[in-house]
PDB file of N, CA and C in Angstrom:
ATOM      1  N   UNK A   1     -12.266 -14.639  -2.743  1.00  0.00           N
ATOM      2  CA  UNK A   1     -11.125 -13.814  -3.060  1.00  0.00           C
ATOM      3  C   UNK A   1     -11.241 -12.506  -2.282  1.00  0.00           C
ATOM      4  N   UNK A   2     -10.073 -11.940  -1.990  1.00  0.00           N
ATOM      5  CA  UNK A   2      -9.995 -10.688  -1.254  1.00  0.00           C
ATOM      6  C   UNK A   2      -9.080  -9.713  -1.990  1.00  0.00           C
ATOM      7  N   UNK A   3      -9.337  -8.426  -1.806  1.00  0.00           N
ATOM      8  CA  UNK A   3      -8.456  -7.387  -2.319  1.00  0.00           C
ATOM      9  C   UNK A   3      -7.879  -6.646  -1.123  1.00  0.00           C
ATOM     10  N   UNK A   4      -6.576  -6.514  -1.110  1.00  0.00           N
ATOM     11  CA  UNK A   4      -5.891  -5.774  -0.063  1.00  0.00           C
ATOM     12  C   UNK A   4      -5.345  -4.500  -0.687  1.00  0.00           C
ATOM     13  N   UNK A   5      -5.678  -3.364  -0.064  1.00  0.00           N
ATOM     14  CA  UNK A   5      -5.131  -2.067  -0.473  1.00  0.00           C
ATOM     15  C   UNK A   5      -4.350  -1.535   0.707  1.00  0.00           C
ATOM     16  N   UNK A   6      -3.094  -1.226   0.469  1.00  0.00           N
ATOM     17  CA  UNK A   6      -2.247  -0.689   1.531  1.00  0.00           C
ATOM     18  C   UNK A   6      -1.697   0.660   1.084  1.00  0.00           C
ATOM     19  N   UNK A   7      -1.869   1.653   1.925  1.00  0.00           N
ATOM     20  CA  UNK A   7      -1.324   2.987   1.692  1.00  0.00           C
ATOM     21  C   UNK A   7      -0.135   3.145   2.626  1.00  0.00           C
ATOM     22  N   UNK A   8       1.064   3.274   2.043  1.00  0.00           N
ATOM     23  CA  UNK A   8       2.281   3.297   2.848  1.00  0.00           C
ATOM     24  C   UNK A   8       3.163   4.479   2.462  1.00  0.00           C
ATOM     25  N   UNK A   9       4.201   4.701   3.262  1.00  0.00           N
ATOM     26  CA  UNK A   9       5.186   5.734   2.949  1.00  0.00           C
ATOM     27  C   UNK A   9       5.997   5.287   1.724  1.00  0.00           C
ATOM     28  N   UNK A  10       6.276   6.186   0.789  1.00  0.00           N
ATOM     29  CA  UNK A  10       7.030   5.811  -0.419  1.00  0.00           C
ATOM     30  C   UNK A  10       8.383   5.178  -0.121  1.00  0.00           C
ATOM     31  N   UNK A  11       9.064   5.643   0.901  1.00  0.00           N
ATOM     32  CA  UNK A  11      10.393   5.114   1.210  1.00  0.00           C
ATOM     33  C   UNK A  11      10.362   3.684   1.743  1.00  0.00           C
ATOM     34  N   UNK A  12       9.173   3.159   2.057  1.00  0.00           N
ATOM     35  CA  UNK A  12       9.057   1.787   2.556  1.00  0.00           C
ATOM     36  C   UNK A  12       8.668   0.800   1.452  1.00  0.00           C
ATOM     37  N   UNK A  13       8.412   1.294   0.252  1.00  0.00           N
ATOM     38  CA  UNK A  13       7.948   0.432  -0.839  1.00  0.00           C
ATOM     39  C   UNK A  13       8.936  -0.681  -1.168  1.00  0.00           C
ATOM     40  N   UNK A  14      10.209  -0.380  -1.269  1.00  0.00           N
ATOM     41  CA  UNK A  14      11.188  -1.400  -1.649  1.00  0.00           C
ATOM     42  C   UNK A  14      11.199  -2.544  -0.638  1.00  0.00           C
ATOM     43  N   UNK A  15      11.183  -2.224   0.640  1.00  0.00           N
ATOM     44  CA  UNK A  15      11.174  -3.263   1.671  1.00  0.00           C
ATOM     45  C   UNK A  15       9.910  -4.108   1.589  1.00  0.00           C
ATOM     46  N   UNK A  16       8.769  -3.462   1.433  1.00  0.00           N
ATOM     47  CA  UNK A  16       7.507  -4.193   1.358  1.00  0.00           C
ATOM     48  C   UNK A  16       7.483  -5.083   0.120  1.00  0.00           C
ATOM     49  N   UNK A  17       7.823  -4.534  -1.040  1.00  0.00           N
ATOM     50  CA  UNK A  17       7.785  -5.305  -2.291  1.00  0.00           C
ATOM     51  C   UNK A  17       8.753  -6.480  -2.246  1.00  0.00           C
ATOM     52  N   UNK A  18       9.950  -6.242  -1.772  1.00  0.00           N
ATOM     53  CA  UNK A  18      10.953  -7.300  -1.688  1.00  0.00           C
ATOM     54  C   UNK A  18      10.463  -8.454  -0.800  1.00  0.00           C
ATOM     55  N   UNK A  19       9.843  -8.118   0.315  1.00  0.00           N
ATOM     56  CA  UNK A  19       9.390  -9.151   1.235  1.00  0.00           C
ATOM     57  C   UNK A  19       8.098  -9.826   0.799  1.00  0.00           C
ATOM     58  N   UNK A  20       7.232  -9.118   0.083  1.00  0.00           N
ATOM     59  CA  UNK A  20       6.079  -9.788  -0.512  1.00  0.00           C
ATOM     60  C   UNK A  20       6.548 -10.843  -1.515  1.00  0.00           C
ATOM     61  N   UNK A  21       7.507 -10.473  -2.347  1.00  0.00           N
ATOM     62  CA  UNK A  21       8.037 -11.430  -3.329  1.00  0.00           C
ATOM     63  C   UNK A  21       8.749 -12.590  -2.641  1.00  0.00           C
ATOM     64  N   UNK A  22       9.491 -12.300  -1.586  1.00  0.00           N
ATOM     65  CA  UNK A  22      10.191 -13.353  -0.834  1.00  0.00           C
ATOM     66  C   UNK A  22       9.201 -14.383  -0.274  1.00  0.00           C
ATOM     67  N   UNK A  23       8.010 -13.902   0.102  1.00  0.00           N
ATOM     68  CA  UNK A  23       6.971 -14.790   0.645  1.00  0.00           C
ATOM     69  C   UNK A  23       6.077 -15.373  -0.452  1.00  0.00           C
ATOM     70  N   UNK A  24       6.496 -15.242  -1.703  1.00  0.00           N
ATOM     71  CA  UNK A  24       5.807 -15.808  -2.863  1.00  0.00           C
ATOM     72  C   UNK A  24       4.521 -15.076  -3.253  1.00  0.00           C
ATOM     73  N   UNK A  25       4.380 -13.810  -2.839  1.00  0.00           N
ATOM     74  CA  UNK A  25       3.272 -12.978  -3.291  1.00  0.00           C
ATOM     75  C   UNK A  25       3.840 -12.039  -4.349  1.00  0.00           C
ATOM     76  N   UNK A  26       3.902 -12.549  -5.574  1.00  0.00           N
ATOM     77  CA  UNK A  26       4.661 -11.861  -6.623  1.00  0.00           C
ATOM     78  C   UNK A  26       3.860 -10.830  -7.399  1.00  0.00           C
ATOM     79  N   UNK A  27       2.556 -10.936  -7.351  1.00  0.00           N
ATOM     80  CA  UNK A  27       1.760 -10.155  -8.296  1.00  0.00           C
ATOM     81  C   UNK A  27       0.937  -9.108  -7.569  1.00  0.00           C
ATOM     82  N   UNK A  28       1.328  -7.858  -7.722  1.00  0.00           N
ATOM     83  CA  UNK A  28       0.597  -6.757  -7.116  1.00  0.00           C
ATOM     84  C   UNK A  28       0.816  -5.509  -7.957  1.00  0.00           C
ATOM     85  N   UNK A  29       0.009  -4.497  -7.702  1.00  0.00           N
ATOM     86  CA  UNK A  29       0.077  -3.243  -8.436  1.00  0.00           C
ATOM     87  C   UNK A  29       0.454  -2.134  -7.474  1.00  0.00           C
ATOM     88  N   UNK A  30       1.242  -1.186  -7.952  1.00  0.00           N
ATOM     89  CA  UNK A  30       1.700  -0.069  -7.133  1.00  0.00           C
ATOM     90  C   UNK A  30       1.316   1.238  -7.814  1.00  0.00           C
ATOM     91  N   UNK A  31       0.756   2.148  -7.032  1.00  0.00           N
ATOM     92  CA  UNK A  31       0.388   3.473  -7.515  1.00  0.00           C
ATOM     93  C   UNK A  31       1.069   4.517  -6.646  1.00  0.00           C
ATOM     94  N   UNK A  32       1.509   5.593  -7.273  1.00  0.00           N
ATOM     95  CA  UNK A  32       2.068   6.715  -6.544  1.00  0.00           C
ATOM     96  C   UNK A  32       0.997   7.790  -6.441  1.00  0.00           C
ATOM     97  N   UNK A  33       0.887   8.415  -5.285  1.00  0.00           N
ATOM     98  CA  UNK A  33      -0.136   9.437  -5.131  1.00  0.00           C
ATOM     99  C   UNK A  33       0.183  10.420  -4.026  1.00  0.00           C
ATOM    100  N   UNK A  34      -0.763  11.301  -3.821  1.00  0.00           N
ATOM    101  CA  UNK A  34      -0.686  12.269  -2.739  1.00  0.00           C
ATOM    102  C   UNK A  34      -2.012  12.248  -2.013  1.00  0.00           C
ATOM    103  N   UNK A  35      -1.964  12.436  -0.723  1.00  0.00           N
ATOM    104  CA  UNK A  35      -3.189  12.365   0.047  1.00  0.00           C
ATOM    105  C   UNK A  35      -3.342  13.497   1.029  1.00  0.00           C
ATOM    106  N   UNK A  36      -4.567  13.682   1.450  1.00  0.00           N
ATOM    107  CA  UNK A  36      -4.889  14.630   2.499  1.00  0.00           C
ATOM    108  C   UNK A  36      -5.411  13.813   3.668  1.00  0.00           C
ATOM    109  N   UNK A  37      -4.792  13.956   4.798  1.00  0.00           N
ATOM    110  CA  UNK A  37      -5.217  13.213   5.965  1.00  0.00           C
ATOM    111  C   UNK A  37      -5.014  14.025   7.214  1.00  0.00           C
ATOM    112  N   UNK A  38      -5.093  13.347   8.344  1.00  0.00           N
ATOM    113  CA  UNK A  38      -4.924  14.018   9.624  1.00  0.00           C
ATOM    114  C   UNK A  38      -3.469  14.308   9.936  1.00  0.00           C
ATOM    115  N   UNK A  39      -2.543  13.627   9.241  1.00  0.00           N
ATOM    116  CA  UNK A  39      -1.134  13.774   9.584  1.00  0.00           C
ATOM    117  C   UNK A  39      -0.326  14.231   8.386  1.00  0.00           C
ATOM    118  N   UNK A  40       0.504  15.213   8.596  1.00  0.00           N
ATOM    119  CA  UNK A  40       1.503  15.645   7.629  1.00  0.00           C
ATOM    120  C   UNK A  40       2.786  15.904   8.392  1.00  0.00           C
ATOM    121  N   UNK A  41       3.872  15.302   7.947  1.00  0.00           N
ATOM    122  CA  UNK A  41       5.172  15.519   8.586  1.00  0.00           C
ATOM    123  C   UNK A  41       5.733  16.840   8.067  1.00  0.00           C
ATOM    124  N   UNK A  42       5.785  17.866   8.899  1.00  0.00           N
ATOM    125  CA  UNK A  42       6.222  19.179   8.411  1.00  0.00           C
ATOM    126  C   UNK A  42       7.674  19.218   7.962  1.00  0.00           C
ATOM    127  N   UNK A  43       8.480  18.238   8.364  1.00  0.00           N
ATOM    128  CA  UNK A  43       9.889  18.224   7.967  1.00  0.00           C
ATOM    129  C   UNK A  43      10.118  17.592   6.600  1.00  0.00           C
ATOM    130  N   UNK A  44       9.195  16.749   6.153  1.00  0.00           N
ATOM    131  CA  UNK A  44       9.438  16.032   4.898  1.00  0.00           C
ATOM    132  C   UNK A  44       8.355  16.222   3.846  1.00  0.00           C
ATOM    133  N   UNK A  45       7.199  16.679   4.215  1.00  0.00           N
ATOM    134  CA  UNK A  45       6.091  16.766   3.266  1.00  0.00           C
ATOM    135  C   UNK A  45       5.754  18.216   2.939  1.00  0.00           C
ATOM    136  N   UNK A  46       5.680  18.490   1.652  1.00  0.00           N
ATOM    137  CA  UNK A  46       5.332  19.816   1.179  1.00  0.00           C
ATOM    138  C   UNK A  46       4.342  19.659   0.039  1.00  0.00           C
ATOM    139  N   UNK A  47       3.464  20.618  -0.153  1.00  0.00           N
ATOM    140  CA  UNK A  47       2.567  20.542  -1.308  1.00  0.00           C
ATOM    141  C   UNK A  47       3.369  20.446  -2.599  1.00  0.00           C
ATOM    142  N   UNK A  48       2.881  19.669  -3.547  1.00  0.00           N
ATOM    143  CA  UNK A  48       3.582  19.536  -4.818  1.00  0.00           C
ATOM    144  C   UNK A  48       3.086  20.587  -5.801  1.00  0.00           C
ATOM    145  N   UNK A  49       3.810  20.738  -6.880  1.00  0.00           N
ATOM    146  CA  UNK A  49       3.381  21.658  -7.931  1.00  0.00           C
ATOM    147  C   UNK A  49       2.163  21.103  -8.655  1.00  0.00           C
ATOM    148  N   UNK A  50       2.083  19.776  -8.745  1.00  0.00           N
ATOM    149  CA  UNK A  50       0.983  19.147  -9.453  1.00  0.00           C
ATOM    150  C   UNK A  50      -0.325  19.253  -8.665  1.00  0.00           C
ATOM    151  N   UNK A  51      -0.237  19.052  -7.347  1.00  0.00           N
ATOM    152  CA  UNK A  51      -1.407  19.120  -6.468  1.00  0.00           C
ATOM    153  C   UNK A  51      -1.075  20.014  -5.275  1.00  0.00           C
ATOM    154  N   UNK A  52      -1.129  21.315  -5.435  1.00  0.00           N
ATOM    155  CA  UNK A  52      -0.647  22.217  -4.388  1.00  0.00           C
ATOM    156  C   UNK A  52      -1.438  22.174  -3.085  1.00  0.00           C
ATOM    157  N   UNK A  53      -2.640  21.587  -3.091  1.00  0.00           N
ATOM    158  CA  UNK A  53      -3.446  21.554  -1.878  1.00  0.00           C
ATOM    159  C   UNK A  53      -3.265  20.249  -1.105  1.00  0.00           C
ATOM    160  N   UNK A  54      -2.499  19.326  -1.647  1.00  0.00           N
ATOM    161  CA  UNK A  54      -2.295  18.040  -0.983  1.00  0.00           C
ATOM    162  C   UNK A  54      -0.963  18.039  -0.247  1.00  0.00           C
ATOM    163  N   UNK A  55      -0.822  17.117   0.668  1.00  0.00           N
ATOM    164  CA  UNK A  55       0.349  17.164   1.524  1.00  0.00           C
ATOM    165  C   UNK A  55       1.205  15.902   1.507  1.00  0.00           C
ATOM    166  N   UNK A  56       0.644  14.770   1.817  1.00  0.00           N
ATOM    167  CA  UNK A  56       1.443  13.571   2.049  1.00  0.00           C
ATOM    168  C   UNK A  56       1.634  12.749   0.785  1.00  0.00           C
ATOM    169  N   UNK A  57       2.873  12.427   0.477  1.00  0.00           N
ATOM    170  CA  UNK A  57       3.174  11.498  -0.609  1.00  0.00           C
ATOM    171  C   UNK A  57       2.841  10.097  -0.082  1.00  0.00           C
ATOM    172  N   UNK A  58       2.177   9.289  -0.906  1.00  0.00           N
ATOM    173  CA  UNK A  58       1.823   7.934  -0.514  1.00  0.00           C
ATOM    174  C   UNK A  58       2.053   6.989  -1.684  1.00  0.00           C
ATOM    175  N   UNK A  59       2.190   5.729  -1.352  1.00  0.00           N
ATOM    176  CA  UNK A  59       2.203   4.663  -2.340  1.00  0.00           C
ATOM    177  C   UNK A  59       1.060   3.727  -1.978  1.00  0.00           C
ATOM    178  N   UNK A  60       0.280   3.339  -2.980  1.00  0.00           N
ATOM    179  CA  UNK A  60      -0.802   2.380  -2.755  1.00  0.00           C
ATOM    180  C   UNK A  60      -0.417   1.069  -3.419  1.00  0.00           C
ATOM    181  N   UNK A  61      -0.477   0.005  -2.638  1.00  0.00           N
ATOM    182  CA  UNK A  61      -0.241  -1.344  -3.147  1.00  0.00           C
ATOM    183  C   UNK A  61      -1.593  -2.048  -3.185  1.00  0.00           C
ATOM    184  N   UNK A  62      -1.908  -2.669  -4.318  1.00  0.00           N
ATOM    185  CA  UNK A  62      -3.133  -3.457  -4.435  1.00  0.00           C
ATOM    186  C   UNK A  62      -2.754  -4.882  -4.782  1.00  0.00           C
ATOM    187  N   UNK A  63      -3.361  -5.821  -4.059  1.00  0.00           N
ATOM    188  CA  UNK A  63      -3.098  -7.234  -4.320  1.00  0.00           C
ATOM    189  C   UNK A  63      -4.389  -8.013  -4.097  1.00  0.00           C
ATOM    190  N   UNK A  64      -4.713  -8.881  -5.031  1.00  0.00           N
ATOM    191  CA  UNK A  64      -5.882  -9.754  -4.917  1.00  0.00           C
ATOM    192  C   UNK A  64      -5.375 -11.155  -4.622  1.00  0.00           C
ATOM    193  N   UNK A  65      -6.009 -11.803  -3.639  1.00  0.00           N
ATOM    194  CA  UNK A  65      -5.515 -13.115  -3.203  1.00  0.00           C
ATOM    195  C   UNK A  65      -6.659 -13.959  -2.668  1.00  0.00           C
ATOM    196  N   UNK A  66      -6.354 -15.235  -2.459  1.00  0.00           N
ATOM    197  CA  UNK A  66      -7.289 -16.113  -1.770  1.00  0.00           C
ATOM    198  C   UNK A  66      -7.384 -15.686  -0.311  1.00  0.00           C
ATOM    199  N   UNK A  67      -8.529 -15.921   0.280  1.00  0.00           N
ATOM    200  CA  UNK A  67      -8.788 -15.520   1.669  1.00  0.00           C
ATOM    201  C   UNK A  67      -7.725 -16.058   2.631  1.00  0.00           C
ATOM    202  N   UNK A  68      -7.209 -17.256   2.362  1.00  0.00           N
ATOM    203  CA  UNK A  68      -6.253 -17.884   3.277  1.00  0.00           C
ATOM    204  C   UNK A  68      -4.918 -17.135   3.365  1.00  0.00           C
ATOM    205  N   UNK A  69      -4.628 -16.245   2.419  1.00  0.00           N
ATOM    206  CA  UNK A  69      -3.357 -15.514   2.422  1.00  0.00           C
ATOM    207  C   UNK A  69      -3.446 -14.116   3.016  1.00  0.00           C
ATOM    208  N   UNK A  70      -4.634 -13.654   3.353  1.00  0.00           N
ATOM    209  CA  UNK A  70      -4.830 -12.271   3.785  1.00  0.00           C
ATOM    210  C   UNK A  70      -3.985 -11.922   5.002  1.00  0.00           C
ATOM    211  N   UNK A  71      -4.045 -12.726   6.041  1.00  0.00           N
ATOM    212  CA  UNK A  71      -3.312 -12.406   7.275  1.00  0.00           C
ATOM    213  C   UNK A  71      -1.805 -12.371   7.043  1.00  0.00           C
ATOM    214  N   UNK A  72      -1.291 -13.292   6.234  1.00  0.00           N
ATOM    215  CA  UNK A  72       0.144 -13.315   5.952  1.00  0.00           C
ATOM    216  C   UNK A  72       0.569 -12.063   5.186  1.00  0.00           C
ATOM    217  N   UNK A  73      -0.210 -11.678   4.190  1.00  0.00           N
ATOM    218  CA  UNK A  73       0.112 -10.482   3.405  1.00  0.00           C
ATOM    219  C   UNK A  73       0.066  -9.243   4.289  1.00  0.00           C
ATOM    220  N   UNK A  74      -0.952  -9.131   5.119  1.00  0.00           N
ATOM    221  CA  UNK A  74      -1.042  -8.000   6.038  1.00  0.00           C
ATOM    222  C   UNK A  74       0.165  -7.965   6.959  1.00  0.00           C
ATOM    223  N   UNK A  75       0.565  -9.116   7.458  1.00  0.00           N
ATOM    224  CA  UNK A  75       1.737  -9.183   8.343  1.00  0.00           C
ATOM    225  C   UNK A  75       3.000  -8.710   7.630  1.00  0.00           C
ATOM    226  N   UNK A  76       3.194  -9.141   6.397  1.00  0.00           N
ATOM    227  CA  UNK A  76       4.376  -8.722   5.630  1.00  0.00           C
ATOM    228  C   UNK A  76       4.360  -7.211   5.415  1.00  0.00           C
ATOM    229  N   UNK A  77       3.214  -6.674   5.057  1.00  0.00           N
ATOM    230  CA  UNK A  77       3.121  -5.234   4.811  1.00  0.00           C
ATOM    231  C   UNK A  77       3.375  -4.457   6.098  1.00  0.00           C
ATOM    232  N   UNK A  78       2.681  -4.830   7.171  1.00  0.00           N
ATOM    233  CA  UNK A  78       2.846  -4.095   8.436  1.00  0.00           C
ATOM    234  C   UNK A  78       4.284  -4.159   8.948  1.00  0.00           C
ATOM    235  N   UNK A  79       4.862  -5.335   8.903  1.00  0.00           N
ATOM    236  CA  UNK A  79       6.228  -5.512   9.420  1.00  0.00           C
ATOM    237  C   UNK A  79       7.232  -4.657   8.663  1.00  0.00           C
ATOM    238  N   UNK A  80       7.058  -4.554   7.358  1.00  0.00           N
ATOM    239  CA  UNK A  80       8.051  -3.874   6.531  1.00  0.00           C
ATOM    240  C   UNK A  80       7.720  -2.424   6.196  1.00  0.00           C
ATOM    241  N   UNK A  81       6.499  -1.979   6.497  1.00  0.00           N
ATOM    242  CA  UNK A  81       6.112  -0.600   6.178  1.00  0.00           C
ATOM    243  C   UNK A  81       6.146   0.314   7.400  1.00  0.00           C
ATOM    244  N   UNK A  82       6.162  -0.251   8.571  1.00  0.00           N
ATOM    245  CA  UNK A  82       6.045   0.615   9.740  1.00  0.00           C
ATOM    246  C   UNK A  82       7.362   1.260  10.146  1.00  0.00           C
ATOM    247  N   UNK A  83       7.227   2.495  10.577  1.00  0.00           N
ATOM    248  CA  UNK A  83       8.348   3.212  11.177  1.00  0.00           C
ATOM    249  C   UNK A  83       8.059   3.452  12.661  1.00  0.00           C
ATOM    250  N   UNK A  84       6.852   3.073  13.061  1.00  0.00           N
ATOM    251  CA  UNK A  84       6.340   3.284  14.421  1.00  0.00           C
ATOM    252  C   UNK A  84       6.073   4.765  14.705  1.00  0.00           C
ATOM    253  N   UNK A  85       5.877   5.522  13.634  1.00  0.00           N
ATOM    254  CA  UNK A  85       5.527   6.933  13.757  1.00  0.00           C
ATOM    255  C   UNK A  85       4.133   7.158  13.191  1.00  0.00           C
ATOM    256  N   UNK A  86       3.506   8.222  13.635  1.00  0.00           N
ATOM    257  CA  UNK A  86       2.201   8.596  13.109  1.00  0.00           C
ATOM    258  C   UNK A  86       2.318   8.806  11.605  1.00  0.00           C
ATOM    259  N   UNK A  87       1.317   8.337  10.869  1.00  0.00           N
ATOM    260  CA  UNK A  87       1.319   8.518   9.424  1.00  0.00           C
ATOM    261  C   UNK A  87       1.938   7.371   8.651  1.00  0.00           C
ATOM    262  N   UNK A  88       2.133   6.207   9.303  1.00  0.00           N
ATOM    263  CA  UNK A  88       2.727   5.060   8.608  1.00  0.00           C
ATOM    264  C   UNK A  88       1.819   4.487   7.527  1.00  0.00           C
ATOM    265  N   UNK A  89       0.516   4.682   7.622  1.00  0.00           N
ATOM    266  CA  UNK A  89      -0.360   4.217   6.558  1.00  0.00           C
ATOM    267  C   UNK A  89      -1.564   3.454   7.052  1.00  0.00           C
ATOM    268  N   UNK A  90      -2.287   2.883   6.100  1.00  0.00           N
ATOM    269  CA  UNK A  90      -3.513   2.130   6.359  1.00  0.00           C
ATOM    270  C   UNK A  90      -3.580   0.927   5.434  1.00  0.00           C
ATOM    271  N   UNK A  91      -4.296  -0.095   5.885  1.00  0.00           N
ATOM    272  CA  UNK A  91      -4.545  -1.276   5.056  1.00  0.00           C
ATOM    273  C   UNK A  91      -6.051  -1.536   5.072  1.00  0.00           C
ATOM    274  N   UNK A  92      -6.609  -1.776   3.884  1.00  0.00           N
ATOM    275  CA  UNK A  92      -8.022  -2.115   3.743  1.00  0.00           C
ATOM    276  C   UNK A  92      -8.131  -3.489   3.101  1.00  0.00           C
ATOM    277  N   UNK A  93      -9.132  -4.252   3.512  1.00  0.00           N
ATOM    278  CA  UNK A  93      -9.407  -5.556   2.913  1.00  0.00           C
ATOM    279  C   UNK A  93     -10.863  -5.559   2.462  1.00  0.00           C
ATOM    280  N   UNK A  94     -11.080  -5.934   1.199  1.00  0.00           N
ATOM    281  CA  UNK A  94     -12.426  -5.962   0.619  1.00  0.00           C
ATOM    282  C   UNK A  94     -12.677  -7.308  -0.038  1.00  0.00           C
ATOM    283  N   UNK A  95     -13.941  -7.633  -0.209  1.00  0.00           N
ATOM    284  CA  UNK A  95     -14.329  -8.835  -0.934  1.00  0.00           C
ATOM    285  C   UNK A  95     -14.235  -8.603  -2.436  1.00  0.00           C
ATOM    286  N   UNK A  96     -13.844  -9.635  -3.168  1.00  0.00           N
ATOM    287  CA  UNK A  96     -13.819  -9.616  -4.630  1.00  0.00           C
ATOM    288  C   UNK A  96     -14.774 -10.704  -5.098  1.00  0.00           C
ATOM    289  N   UNK A  97     -15.779 -10.318  -5.849  1.00  0.00           N
ATOM    290  CA  UNK A  97     -16.775 -11.277  -6.305  1.00  0.00           C
ATOM    291  C   UNK A  97     -16.265 -12.180  -7.409  1.00  0.00           C
ATOM    292  N   UNK A  98     -15.454 -11.641  -8.305  1.00  0.00           N
ATOM    293  CA  UNK A  98     -15.039 -12.419  -9.462  1.00  0.00           C
ATOM    294  C   UNK A  98     -13.737 -11.843 -10.003  1.00  0.00           C
ATOM    295  N   UNK A  99     -12.963 -12.716 -10.628  1.00  0.00           N
ATOM    296  CA  UNK A  99     -11.739 -12.294 -11.317  1.00  0.00           C
ATOM    297  C   UNK A  99     -11.774 -12.887 -12.716  1.00  0.00           C
ATOM    298  N   UNK A 100     -11.594 -12.034 -13.711  1.00  0.00           N
ATOM    299  CA  UNK A 100     -11.663 -12.457 -15.111  1.00  0.00           C
ATOM    300  C   UNK A 100     -10.390 -12.023 -15.808  1.00  0.00           C
ATOM    301  N   UNK A 101      -9.700 -12.958 -16.429  1.00  0.00           N
ATOM    302  CA  UNK A 101      -8.502 -12.628 -17.207  1.00  0.00           C
ATOM    303  C   UNK A 101      -8.940 -12.073 -18.558  1.00  0.00           C
ATOM    304  N   UNK A 102      -8.325 -11.000 -18.977  1.00  0.00           N
ATOM    305  CA  UNK A 102      -8.678 -10.359 -20.228  1.00  0.00           C
ATOM    306  C   UNK A 102      -8.225 -11.198 -21.417  1.00  0.00           C
ATOM    307  N   UNK A 103      -7.069 -11.836 -21.341  1.00  0.00           N
ATOM    308  CA  UNK A 103      -6.531 -12.560 -22.495  1.00  0.00           C
ATOM    309  C   UNK A 103      -7.303 -13.827 -22.842  1.00  0.00           C
ATOM    310  N   UNK A 104      -8.132 -14.327 -21.965  1.00  0.00           N
ATOM    311  CA  UNK A 104      -8.852 -15.580 -22.236  1.00  0.00           C
ATOM    312  C   UNK A 104     -10.222 -15.339 -22.804  1.00  0.00           C
TER     313      UNK A 104
END
């Protein structure tokens, strides 16, 4: 099993989520956050009241899948999250040792 974490622009979330579901990847988690990185768009990003020292608004998508789906999921995310501008985001892939359902 693999875990994919993608940090993308908030305005691209709907496109990414819609296309993940279209490709039958229905189950993922989304987090809203702010980050500090090398890039901040001075026209759209401003420090928030909640975190005045941070700059970029980000959305993190987490999805756990079988290894055979990793490349397809990455392709869907990249295709639908990119604006071809600096600061489009990052994708990380990690190993998952075990998955346990809480209800069982």
